[in-house]
Amino acid sequence: MGRKRNQAYTEEFRKEAVKRSEQPGVTQAEVARELGLSSQQIANWKRQFTRLLDKKFNRKYWCQVFNVVPSGKSSGSSIISAGS
């Protein structure tokens, strides 16, 4: 017996599933059932998106606090030392 292969879902699909589960009067389990997913899968996606948003927000916030311009790559100096 082979192992079941995990389904790859697009980011758009995952975001839409999370949005639908957050609507008033709709439960996460109902949305999961409609989409053929487990309720836990939607909970995992919600947690992942929340962490990504928190990470993006925190980076912008600290760059503003220390008055530095965020860059894509590390220049070897930390945000804290750049603002001192």
C-alpha atoms as a PDB file:
ATOM      1  CA  MET A   1       0.000   0.000   0.000  1.00  0.00           C
ATOM      2  CA  GLY A   2       1.287   3.392  -0.974  1.00  0.00           C
ATOM      3  CA  ARG A   3       1.206   6.449   1.136  1.00  0.00           C
ATOM      4  CA  LYS A   4      -1.392   9.086   0.234  1.00  0.00           C
ATOM      5  CA  ARG A   5       0.214  12.068  -1.503  1.00  0.00           C
ATOM      6  CA  ASN A   6      -0.504  15.468  -0.011  1.00  0.00           C
ATOM      7  CA  GLN A   7      -2.563  17.826  -2.137  1.00  0.00           C
ATOM      8  CA  ALA A   8      -0.893  21.113  -3.032  1.00  0.00           C
ATOM      9  CA  TYR A   9      -3.298  24.058  -2.816  1.00  0.00           C
ATOM     10  CA  THR A  10      -2.680  27.498  -4.252  1.00  0.00           C
ATOM     11  CA  GLU A  11      -2.201  30.425  -1.925  1.00  0.00           C
ATOM     12  CA  GLU A  12      -5.372  31.991  -3.340  1.00  0.00           C
ATOM     13  CA  PHE A  13      -7.391  28.845  -2.487  1.00  0.00           C
ATOM     14  CA  ARG A  14      -5.981  28.751   1.040  1.00  0.00           C
ATOM     15  CA  LYS A  15      -6.708  32.443   1.644  1.00  0.00           C
ATOM     16  CA  GLU A  16     -10.265  32.062   0.358  1.00  0.00           C
ATOM     17  CA  ALA A  17     -10.867  29.050   2.624  1.00  0.00           C
ATOM     18  CA  VAL A  18      -9.630  31.011   5.644  1.00  0.00           C
ATOM     19  CA  LYS A  19     -11.752  34.057   4.713  1.00  0.00           C
ATOM     20  CA  ARG A  20     -14.865  31.911   4.339  1.00  0.00           C
ATOM     21  CA  SER A  21     -14.269  30.274   7.712  1.00  0.00           C
ATOM     22  CA  GLU A  22     -14.103  33.691   9.397  1.00  0.00           C
ATOM     23  CA  GLN A  23     -17.474  34.893   8.125  1.00  0.00           C
ATOM     24  CA  PRO A  24     -20.211  35.337  10.739  1.00  0.00           C
ATOM     25  CA  GLY A  25     -22.505  32.333  11.080  1.00  0.00           C
ATOM     26  CA  VAL A  26     -20.108  29.957   9.329  1.00  0.00           C
ATOM     27  CA  THR A  27     -17.972  27.445  11.178  1.00  0.00           C
ATOM     28  CA  GLN A  28     -14.547  26.248  10.186  1.00  0.00           C
ATOM     29  CA  ALA A  29     -15.886  22.693  10.072  1.00  0.00           C
ATOM     30  CA  GLU A  30     -18.637  23.652   7.599  1.00  0.00           C
ATOM     31  CA  VAL A  31     -16.181  25.284   5.219  1.00  0.00           C
ATOM     32  CA  ALA A  32     -13.813  22.333   5.516  1.00  0.00           C
ATOM     33  CA  ARG A  33     -16.614  19.897   4.710  1.00  0.00           C
ATOM     34  CA  GLU A  34     -17.687  21.956   1.658  1.00  0.00           C
ATOM     35  CA  LEU A  35     -14.123  22.014   0.328  1.00  0.00           C
ATOM     36  CA  GLY A  36     -13.281  18.412   1.174  1.00  0.00           C
ATOM     37  CA  LEU A  37     -10.657  19.383   3.759  1.00  0.00           C
ATOM     38  CA  SER A  38     -10.124  18.732   7.411  1.00  0.00           C
ATOM     39  CA  SER A  39     -11.000  21.492   9.831  1.00  0.00           C
ATOM     40  CA  GLN A  40      -7.438  21.291  11.158  1.00  0.00           C
ATOM     41  CA  GLN A  41      -6.055  22.132   7.709  1.00  0.00           C
ATOM     42  CA  ILE A  42      -7.922  25.450   7.680  1.00  0.00           C
ATOM     43  CA  ALA A  43      -6.719  26.154  11.226  1.00  0.00           C
ATOM     44  CA  ASN A  44      -3.121  25.508  10.106  1.00  0.00           C
ATOM     45  CA  TRP A  45      -3.475  27.867   7.137  1.00  0.00           C
ATOM     46  CA  LYS A  46      -4.991  30.550   9.364  1.00  0.00           C
ATOM     47  CA  ARG A  47      -2.051  30.245  11.771  1.00  0.00           C
ATOM     48  CA  GLN A  48       0.470  30.390   8.896  1.00  0.00           C
ATOM     49  CA  PHE A  49      -1.087  33.532   7.399  1.00  0.00           C
ATOM     50  CA  THR A  50      -1.249  35.179  10.819  1.00  0.00           C
ATOM     51  CA  ARG A  51       2.443  34.477  11.419  1.00  0.00           C
ATOM     52  CA  LEU A  52       3.377  35.873   8.005  1.00  0.00           C
ATOM     53  CA  LEU A  53       1.384  39.043   8.632  1.00  0.00           C
ATOM     54  CA  ASP A  54       2.908  39.442  12.095  1.00  0.00           C
ATOM     55  CA  LYS A  55       6.403  38.988  10.681  1.00  0.00           C
ATOM     56  CA  LYS A  56       5.849  41.595   7.946  1.00  0.00           C
ATOM     57  CA  PHE A  57       4.288  44.044  10.402  1.00  0.00           C
ATOM     58  CA  ASN A  58       7.044  43.610  12.973  1.00  0.00           C
ATOM     59  CA  ARG A  59       9.782  44.204  10.399  1.00  0.00           C
ATOM     60  CA  LYS A  60       8.171  47.454   9.208  1.00  0.00           C
ATOM     61  CA  TYR A  61       7.553  48.561  12.777  1.00  0.00           C
ATOM     62  CA  TRP A  62      11.126  48.046  13.946  1.00  0.00           C
ATOM     63  CA  CYS A  63      12.537  49.674  10.834  1.00  0.00           C
ATOM     64  CA  GLN A  64      10.432  52.738  11.632  1.00  0.00           C
ATOM     65  CA  VAL A  65      11.430  52.703  15.299  1.00  0.00           C
ATOM     66  CA  PHE A  66      15.144  52.592  14.414  1.00  0.00           C
ATOM     67  CA  ASN A  67      14.703  54.816  11.352  1.00  0.00           C
ATOM     68  CA  VAL A  68      16.295  52.405   8.891  1.00  0.00           C
ATOM     69  CA  VAL A  69      15.262  51.346   5.422  1.00  0.00           C
ATOM     70  CA  PRO A  70      14.452  47.636   5.191  1.00  0.00           C
ATOM     71  CA  SER A  71      16.483  45.763   2.628  1.00  0.00           C
ATOM     72  CA  GLY A  72      16.029  42.338   1.099  1.00  0.00           C
ATOM     73  CA  LYS A  73      19.448  41.124   2.191  1.00  0.00           C
ATOM     74  CA  SER A  74      21.338  41.579   5.402  1.00  0.00           C
ATOM     75  CA  SER A  75      24.188  44.053   5.084  1.00  0.00           C
ATOM     76  CA  GLY A  76      25.914  42.613   8.098  1.00  0.00           C
ATOM     77  CA  SER A  77      24.577  45.231  10.485  1.00  0.00           C
ATOM     78  CA  SER A  78      21.559  44.652  12.627  1.00  0.00           C
ATOM     79  CA  ILE A  79      18.600  46.987  12.837  1.00  0.00           C
ATOM     80  CA  ILE A  80      19.504  47.833  16.420  1.00  0.00           C
ATOM     81  CA  SER A  81      23.075  48.868  15.626  1.00  0.00           C
ATOM     82  CA  ALA A  82      21.927  50.829  12.544  1.00  0.00           C
ATOM     83  CA  GLY A  83      19.731  53.096  14.657  1.00  0.00           C
ATOM     84  CA  SER A  84      22.189  53.688  17.488  1.00  0.00           C
END
